[in-house]
């Protein structure tokens, strides 16, 4: 794929907003691009090929390779594999699995580090991503301490729909990409509890879902 096509793919990433066209074009010259089929695995723990990935299209989940549990979900317009910037000699024990057909760009970690040294806005953008991920982790820990299983599952599902969904009339609709096992991993609960809570939420008309989509009613605008 040529440089101009890569530029078109990356120009909507907030991370690159302040780099300028010339720097972006130079960056695109060293980027690789690939199509990832649904279910395809990207090994992020490869010692010899550490890379930073930019997700242009689709959704991926990040798995802890040791425990085989879901750590977090990445949507289009975001990056993953950024832990390799911390220590290129240490394995991260992570892998990414495409939840749907996706398009990625990627760059070797050592090259990304050089770009971050030259461009403060890029470095600050990466640090912001770290910060947001840490905040989400802290929230999960607080929820684990202070909320019961049903509340954690209910809150997670609502947050997922709001983050990954789009408005359609009076509803917000998201692709139903996560299995009950994935949700149980992310909420520290069991698959059976997830199934029970989701069934109750649908019975109470709070959410609706099928094998393809999951939705929630939009909050009414105060008058």
C-alpha atoms as a PDB file:
ATOM      1  CA  UNK A   1       0.000   0.000   0.000  1.00  0.00           C
ATOM      2  CA  UNK A   2       1.477   3.374  -0.984  1.00  0.00           C
ATOM      3  CA  UNK A   3       2.421   6.229   1.334  1.00  0.00           C
ATOM      4  CA  UNK A   4      -0.581   8.399   0.435  1.00  0.00           C
ATOM      5  CA  UNK A   5      -3.005   5.586   1.237  1.00  0.00           C
ATOM      6  CA  UNK A   6      -1.320   5.044   4.619  1.00  0.00           C
ATOM      7  CA  UNK A   7      -1.581   8.774   5.280  1.00  0.00           C
ATOM      8  CA  UNK A   8      -5.298   8.665   4.571  1.00  0.00           C
ATOM      9  CA  UNK A   9      -5.672   5.745   6.963  1.00  0.00           C
ATOM     10  CA  UNK A  10      -3.832   7.514   9.814  1.00  0.00           C
ATOM     11  CA  UNK A  11      -4.999  11.126   9.507  1.00  0.00           C
ATOM     12  CA  UNK A  12      -8.006  10.575  11.792  1.00  0.00           C
ATOM     13  CA  UNK A  13      -5.852   9.342  14.695  1.00  0.00           C
ATOM     14  CA  UNK A  14      -5.863  11.995  17.434  1.00  0.00           C
ATOM     15  CA  UNK A  15      -2.356  10.852  18.336  1.00  0.00           C
ATOM     16  CA  UNK A  16      -0.964  12.405  15.144  1.00  0.00           C
ATOM     17  CA  UNK A  17      -2.976  15.618  15.002  1.00  0.00           C
ATOM     18  CA  UNK A  18      -0.035  17.893  15.857  1.00  0.00           C
ATOM     19  CA  UNK A  19       2.676  16.211  13.787  1.00  0.00           C
ATOM     20  CA  UNK A  20       2.062  18.060  10.540  1.00  0.00           C
ATOM     21  CA  UNK A  21       1.751  16.702   7.028  1.00  0.00           C
ATOM     22  CA  UNK A  22       5.488  16.385   6.239  1.00  0.00           C
ATOM     23  CA  UNK A  23       6.243  14.417   9.415  1.00  0.00           C
ATOM     24  CA  UNK A  24       3.175  12.256   8.850  1.00  0.00           C
ATOM     25  CA  UNK A  25       4.272  11.445   5.301  1.00  0.00           C
ATOM     26  CA  UNK A  26       7.738  10.461   6.529  1.00  0.00           C
ATOM     27  CA  UNK A  27       6.194   8.289   9.200  1.00  0.00           C
ATOM     28  CA  UNK A  28       3.984   6.565   6.647  1.00  0.00           C
ATOM     29  CA  UNK A  29       7.074   5.609   4.658  1.00  0.00           C
ATOM     30  CA  UNK A  30       8.253   3.339   7.497  1.00  0.00           C
ATOM     31  CA  UNK A  31       4.836   2.008   8.490  1.00  0.00           C
ATOM     32  CA  UNK A  32       3.625  -1.430   7.493  1.00  0.00           C
ATOM     33  CA  UNK A  33      -0.050  -2.099   6.893  1.00  0.00           C
ATOM     34  CA  UNK A  34      -2.029  -5.324   7.030  1.00  0.00           C
ATOM     35  CA  UNK A  35      -5.548  -6.726   6.946  1.00  0.00           C
ATOM     36  CA  UNK A  36      -6.419  -8.915   9.922  1.00  0.00           C
ATOM     37  CA  UNK A  37      -9.187 -11.485   9.587  1.00  0.00           C
ATOM     38  CA  UNK A  38     -11.691 -12.075  12.377  1.00  0.00           C
ATOM     39  CA  UNK A  39     -10.180 -14.472  14.914  1.00  0.00           C
ATOM     40  CA  UNK A  40      -6.609 -13.890  13.756  1.00  0.00           C
ATOM     41  CA  UNK A  41      -4.015 -13.644  16.528  1.00  0.00           C
ATOM     42  CA  UNK A  42      -1.181 -11.107  16.780  1.00  0.00           C
ATOM     43  CA  UNK A  43       1.548 -12.183  19.197  1.00  0.00           C
ATOM     44  CA  UNK A  44       2.678  -9.090  21.119  1.00  0.00           C
ATOM     45  CA  UNK A  45       5.277 -10.965  23.179  1.00  0.00           C
ATOM     46  CA  UNK A  46       7.679 -11.697  20.292  1.00  0.00           C
ATOM     47  CA  UNK A  47      11.092 -10.594  21.561  1.00  0.00           C
ATOM     48  CA  UNK A  48      12.542 -10.108  18.071  1.00  0.00           C
ATOM     49  CA  UNK A  49       9.710  -8.131  16.510  1.00  0.00           C
ATOM     50  CA  UNK A  50       8.382  -5.578  19.000  1.00  0.00           C
ATOM     51  CA  UNK A  51       5.940  -3.223  17.304  1.00  0.00           C
ATOM     52  CA  UNK A  52       3.328  -0.574  18.038  1.00  0.00           C
ATOM     53  CA  UNK A  53      -0.008  -1.140  16.302  1.00  0.00           C
ATOM     54  CA  UNK A  54      -2.526   1.437  15.082  1.00  0.00           C
ATOM     55  CA  UNK A  55      -6.055   0.096  14.622  1.00  0.00           C
ATOM     56  CA  UNK A  56      -7.686   1.828  11.677  1.00  0.00           C
ATOM     57  CA  UNK A  57     -10.691  -0.444  11.290  1.00  0.00           C
ATOM     58  CA  UNK A  58     -12.328  -3.079  13.461  1.00  0.00           C
ATOM     59  CA  UNK A  59     -11.974  -4.141  17.096  1.00  0.00           C
ATOM     60  CA  UNK A  60      -9.437  -6.316  18.908  1.00  0.00           C
ATOM     61  CA  UNK A  61      -9.201  -7.754  22.399  1.00  0.00           C
ATOM     62  CA  UNK A  62      -5.933  -7.926  24.322  1.00  0.00           C
ATOM     63  CA  UNK A  63      -5.344 -11.250  26.062  1.00  0.00           C
ATOM     64  CA  UNK A  64      -2.957 -12.165  28.859  1.00  0.00           C
ATOM     65  CA  UNK A  65      -1.060 -15.055  27.263  1.00  0.00           C
ATOM     66  CA  UNK A  66      -0.330 -16.716  30.606  1.00  0.00           C
ATOM     67  CA  UNK A  67      -3.847 -16.750  32.070  1.00  0.00           C
ATOM     68  CA  UNK A  68      -5.734 -16.601  28.743  1.00  0.00           C
ATOM     69  CA  UNK A  69      -7.980 -13.858  30.127  1.00  0.00           C
ATOM     70  CA  UNK A  70      -9.132 -10.636  28.453  1.00  0.00           C
ATOM     71  CA  UNK A  71      -7.357  -7.500  29.713  1.00  0.00           C
ATOM     72  CA  UNK A  72      -9.084  -4.813  27.648  1.00  0.00           C
ATOM     73  CA  UNK A  73     -10.755  -4.051  24.316  1.00  0.00           C
ATOM     74  CA  UNK A  74      -9.344  -1.733  21.632  1.00  0.00           C
ATOM     75  CA  UNK A  75     -11.589   0.078  19.169  1.00  0.00           C
ATOM     76  CA  UNK A  76     -10.687   1.725  15.880  1.00  0.00           C
ATOM     77  CA  UNK A  77      -8.637   4.904  16.084  1.00  0.00           C
ATOM     78  CA  UNK A  78      -6.597   3.594  19.021  1.00  0.00           C
ATOM     79  CA  UNK A  79      -3.257   1.846  19.494  1.00  0.00           C
ATOM     80  CA  UNK A  80      -2.097  -1.357  21.156  1.00  0.00           C
ATOM     81  CA  UNK A  81       1.211  -3.067  21.840  1.00  0.00           C
ATOM     82  CA  UNK A  82       2.483   0.132  23.461  1.00  0.00           C
ATOM     83  CA  UNK A  83       3.883  -1.783  26.451  1.00  0.00           C
ATOM     84  CA  UNK A  84       6.847  -2.730  24.262  1.00  0.00           C
ATOM     85  CA  UNK A  85       7.989   0.888  24.587  1.00  0.00           C
ATOM     86  CA  UNK A  86       8.674   0.356  28.283  1.00  0.00           C
ATOM     87  CA  UNK A  87      11.302  -2.343  27.867  1.00  0.00           C
ATOM     88  CA  UNK A  88      12.056  -3.864  24.470  1.00  0.00           C
ATOM     89  CA  UNK A  89      14.024  -6.667  26.143  1.00  0.00           C
ATOM     90  CA  UNK A  90      11.176  -7.847  28.358  1.00  0.00           C
ATOM     91  CA  UNK A  91       8.278 -10.026  27.198  1.00  0.00           C
ATOM     92  CA  UNK A  92       4.823  -8.516  27.672  1.00  0.00           C
ATOM     93  CA  UNK A  93       2.946 -11.835  27.702  1.00  0.00           C
ATOM     94  CA  UNK A  94       0.150 -10.364  25.595  1.00  0.00           C
ATOM     95  CA  UNK A  95      -1.601 -11.224  22.359  1.00  0.00           C
ATOM     96  CA  UNK A  96      -4.266  -9.454  20.345  1.00  0.00           C
ATOM     97  CA  UNK A  97      -7.217 -11.258  18.765  1.00  0.00           C
ATOM     98  CA  UNK A  98      -9.343  -9.585  16.094  1.00  0.00           C
ATOM     99  CA  UNK A  99     -13.011  -9.582  17.080  1.00  0.00           C
ATOM    100  CA  UNK A 100     -13.941  -8.660  13.505  1.00  0.00           C
ATOM    101  CA  UNK A 101     -12.135  -8.082  10.216  1.00  0.00           C
ATOM    102  CA  UNK A 102      -9.679  -5.276  10.924  1.00  0.00           C
ATOM    103  CA  UNK A 103      -7.007  -3.077   9.350  1.00  0.00           C
ATOM    104  CA  UNK A 104      -3.804  -2.231  11.214  1.00  0.00           C
ATOM    105  CA  UNK A 105      -0.671  -0.195  10.657  1.00  0.00           C
ATOM    106  CA  UNK A 106       2.403  -0.991  12.701  1.00  0.00           C
ATOM    107  CA  UNK A 107       5.878   0.344  13.347  1.00  0.00           C
ATOM    108  CA  UNK A 108       8.867  -1.148  15.128  1.00  0.00           C
ATOM    109  CA  UNK A 109       9.134  -0.044  18.753  1.00  0.00           C
ATOM    110  CA  UNK A 110      12.661   1.366  18.440  1.00  0.00           C
ATOM    111  CA  UNK A 111      11.568   3.552  15.515  1.00  0.00           C
ATOM    112  CA  UNK A 112       8.539   4.734  17.458  1.00  0.00           C
ATOM    113  CA  UNK A 113      10.802   5.679  20.372  1.00  0.00           C
ATOM    114  CA  UNK A 114      12.942   7.830  18.062  1.00  0.00           C
ATOM    115  CA  UNK A 115       9.838   9.598  16.751  1.00  0.00           C
ATOM    116  CA  UNK A 116       8.661  10.229  20.305  1.00  0.00           C
ATOM    117  CA  UNK A 117      12.045  11.770  21.172  1.00  0.00           C
ATOM    118  CA  UNK A 118      11.712  14.211  18.252  1.00  0.00           C
ATOM    119  CA  UNK A 119       8.023  15.039  18.699  1.00  0.00           C
ATOM    120  CA  UNK A 120       6.797  15.961  22.170  1.00  0.00           C
ATOM    121  CA  UNK A 121       3.131  15.832  21.121  1.00  0.00           C
ATOM    122  CA  UNK A 122       3.537  12.189  20.124  1.00  0.00           C
ATOM    123  CA  UNK A 123       5.189  11.333  23.437  1.00  0.00           C
ATOM    124  CA  UNK A 124       2.459  13.155  25.361  1.00  0.00           C
ATOM    125  CA  UNK A 125      -0.191  11.308  23.364  1.00  0.00           C
ATOM    126  CA  UNK A 126       1.294   7.938  24.294  1.00  0.00           C
ATOM    127  CA  UNK A 127       1.502   8.983  27.958  1.00  0.00           C
ATOM    128  CA  UNK A 128      -2.158  10.011  27.832  1.00  0.00           C
ATOM    129  CA  UNK A 129      -3.088   6.562  26.535  1.00  0.00           C
ATOM    130  CA  UNK A 130      -1.131   4.997  29.407  1.00  0.00           C
ATOM    131  CA  UNK A 131      -2.988   7.242  31.820  1.00  0.00           C
ATOM    132  CA  UNK A 132      -6.425   6.346  30.470  1.00  0.00           C
ATOM    133  CA  UNK A 133      -5.643   2.626  30.616  1.00  0.00           C
ATOM    134  CA  UNK A 134      -4.443   2.963  34.207  1.00  0.00           C
ATOM    135  CA  UNK A 135      -7.631   4.838  35.144  1.00  0.00           C
ATOM    136  CA  UNK A 136      -9.746   2.051  33.671  1.00  0.00           C
ATOM    137  CA  UNK A 137      -7.748  -0.519  35.598  1.00  0.00           C
ATOM    138  CA  UNK A 138      -8.160   1.477  38.817  1.00  0.00           C
ATOM    139  CA  UNK A 139     -11.911   1.643  38.226  1.00  0.00           C
ATOM    140  CA  UNK A 140     -12.068  -2.123  37.741  1.00  0.00           C
ATOM    141  CA  UNK A 141     -10.223  -2.608  41.022  1.00  0.00           C
ATOM    142  CA  UNK A 142     -12.603  -0.238  42.848  1.00  0.00           C
ATOM    143  CA  UNK A 143     -15.592  -2.015  41.351  1.00  0.00           C
ATOM    144  CA  UNK A 144     -14.180  -5.345  42.489  1.00  0.00           C
ATOM    145  CA  UNK A 145     -13.894  -4.013  46.047  1.00  0.00           C
ATOM    146  CA  UNK A 146     -17.162  -2.123  46.351  1.00  0.00           C
ATOM    147  CA  UNK A 147     -19.668  -3.566  43.862  1.00  0.00           C
ATOM    148  CA  UNK A 148     -21.352  -6.947  43.663  1.00  0.00           C
ATOM    149  CA  UNK A 149     -21.091  -9.168  40.580  1.00  0.00           C
ATOM    150  CA  UNK A 150     -24.423  -8.097  39.089  1.00  0.00           C
ATOM    151  CA  UNK A 151     -23.551  -4.393  39.373  1.00  0.00           C
ATOM    152  CA  UNK A 152     -20.117  -4.892  37.794  1.00  0.00           C
ATOM    153  CA  UNK A 153     -21.599  -6.768  34.857  1.00  0.00           C
ATOM    154  CA  UNK A 154     -24.449  -4.298  34.368  1.00  0.00           C
ATOM    155  CA  UNK A 155     -22.129  -1.283  34.489  1.00  0.00           C
ATOM    156  CA  UNK A 156     -19.634  -2.899  32.132  1.00  0.00           C
ATOM    157  CA  UNK A 157     -22.293  -3.717  29.529  1.00  0.00           C
ATOM    158  CA  UNK A 158     -23.710  -0.199  29.637  1.00  0.00           C
ATOM    159  CA  UNK A 159     -20.223   1.322  29.330  1.00  0.00           C
ATOM    160  CA  UNK A 160     -19.377  -1.011  26.440  1.00  0.00           C
ATOM    161  CA  UNK A 161     -22.470  -0.005  24.486  1.00  0.00           C
ATOM    162  CA  UNK A 162     -21.860   3.704  25.094  1.00  0.00           C
ATOM    163  CA  UNK A 163     -18.188   3.464  24.066  1.00  0.00           C
ATOM    164  CA  UNK A 164     -18.502   1.171  21.058  1.00  0.00           C
ATOM    165  CA  UNK A 165     -22.036   1.907  19.922  1.00  0.00           C
ATOM    166  CA  UNK A 166     -23.676   4.439  17.639  1.00  0.00           C
ATOM    167  CA  UNK A 167     -26.989   6.241  17.930  1.00  0.00           C
ATOM    168  CA  UNK A 168     -29.841   4.711  15.958  1.00  0.00           C
ATOM    169  CA  UNK A 169     -33.086   6.512  16.640  1.00  0.00           C
ATOM    170  CA  UNK A 170     -33.923   6.225  20.337  1.00  0.00           C
ATOM    171  CA  UNK A 171     -31.265   3.561  20.938  1.00  0.00           C
ATOM    172  CA  UNK A 172     -27.501   3.220  21.085  1.00  0.00           C
ATOM    173  CA  UNK A 173     -26.459   0.086  19.209  1.00  0.00           C
ATOM    174  CA  UNK A 174     -23.090  -1.704  19.339  1.00  0.00           C
ATOM    175  CA  UNK A 175     -21.813  -4.828  17.667  1.00  0.00           C
ATOM    176  CA  UNK A 176     -22.123  -7.797  20.014  1.00  0.00           C
ATOM    177  CA  UNK A 177     -18.458  -8.818  19.806  1.00  0.00           C
ATOM    178  CA  UNK A 178     -17.784 -10.165  23.292  1.00  0.00           C
ATOM    179  CA  UNK A 179     -18.536 -13.668  24.519  1.00  0.00           C
ATOM    180  CA  UNK A 180     -19.886 -14.270  28.010  1.00  0.00           C
ATOM    181  CA  UNK A 181     -16.429 -15.573  28.896  1.00  0.00           C
ATOM    182  CA  UNK A 182     -14.855 -12.287  27.759  1.00  0.00           C
ATOM    183  CA  UNK A 183     -17.283 -10.290  29.903  1.00  0.00           C
ATOM    184  CA  UNK A 184     -16.688 -12.564  32.884  1.00  0.00           C
ATOM    185  CA  UNK A 185     -12.915 -11.996  32.513  1.00  0.00           C
ATOM    186  CA  UNK A 186     -13.367  -8.233  32.382  1.00  0.00           C
ATOM    187  CA  UNK A 187     -15.708  -8.141  35.408  1.00  0.00           C
ATOM    188  CA  UNK A 188     -14.126 -10.900  37.525  1.00  0.00           C
ATOM    189  CA  UNK A 189     -17.299 -12.944  37.522  1.00  0.00           C
ATOM    190  CA  UNK A 190     -18.486 -16.269  36.107  1.00  0.00           C
ATOM    191  CA  UNK A 191     -19.983 -16.940  32.679  1.00  0.00           C
ATOM    192  CA  UNK A 192     -23.193 -18.174  34.295  1.00  0.00           C
ATOM    193  CA  UNK A 193     -23.544 -14.957  36.279  1.00  0.00           C
ATOM    194  CA  UNK A 194     -22.996 -12.931  33.102  1.00  0.00           C
ATOM    195  CA  UNK A 195     -25.699 -14.927  31.333  1.00  0.00           C
ATOM    196  CA  UNK A 196     -28.131 -14.463  34.222  1.00  0.00           C
ATOM    197  CA  UNK A 197     -27.532 -10.722  34.546  1.00  0.00           C
ATOM    198  CA  UNK A 198     -27.841 -10.093  30.807  1.00  0.00           C
ATOM    199  CA  UNK A 199     -31.077 -12.066  30.668  1.00  0.00           C
ATOM    200  CA  UNK A 200     -32.476 -10.020  33.555  1.00  0.00           C
ATOM    201  CA  UNK A 201     -31.409  -6.735  31.945  1.00  0.00           C
ATOM    202  CA  UNK A 202     -33.226  -7.728  28.762  1.00  0.00           C
ATOM    203  CA  UNK A 203     -36.276  -8.850  30.752  1.00  0.00           C
ATOM    204  CA  UNK A 204     -36.305  -5.435  32.445  1.00  0.00           C
ATOM    205  CA  UNK A 205     -36.074  -3.747  29.004  1.00  0.00           C
ATOM    206  CA  UNK A 206     -32.794  -2.069  29.941  1.00  0.00           C
ATOM    207  CA  UNK A 207     -30.860  -3.690  27.089  1.00  0.00           C
ATOM    208  CA  UNK A 208     -31.668  -5.810  24.077  1.00  0.00           C
ATOM    209  CA  UNK A 209     -29.342  -8.109  22.183  1.00  0.00           C
ATOM    210  CA  UNK A 210     -28.954 -10.907  19.682  1.00  0.00           C
ATOM    211  CA  UNK A 211     -25.930 -12.679  18.192  1.00  0.00           C
ATOM    212  CA  UNK A 212     -24.960  -9.593  16.178  1.00  0.00           C
ATOM    213  CA  UNK A 213     -25.933  -6.486  18.139  1.00  0.00           C
ATOM    214  CA  UNK A 214     -26.515  -5.228  21.668  1.00  0.00           C
ATOM    215  CA  UNK A 215     -28.381  -2.013  22.437  1.00  0.00           C
ATOM    216  CA  UNK A 216     -29.606   0.285  25.186  1.00  0.00           C
ATOM    217  CA  UNK A 217     -32.179   3.051  25.219  1.00  0.00           C
ATOM    218  CA  UNK A 218     -30.723   6.564  25.094  1.00  0.00           C
ATOM    219  CA  UNK A 219     -31.042   8.628  28.260  1.00  0.00           C
ATOM    220  CA  UNK A 220     -33.903  11.127  27.869  1.00  0.00           C
ATOM    221  CA  UNK A 221     -32.857  14.786  27.543  1.00  0.00           C
ATOM    222  CA  UNK A 222     -33.876  16.746  30.666  1.00  0.00           C
ATOM    223  CA  UNK A 223     -36.564  19.370  30.047  1.00  0.00           C
END
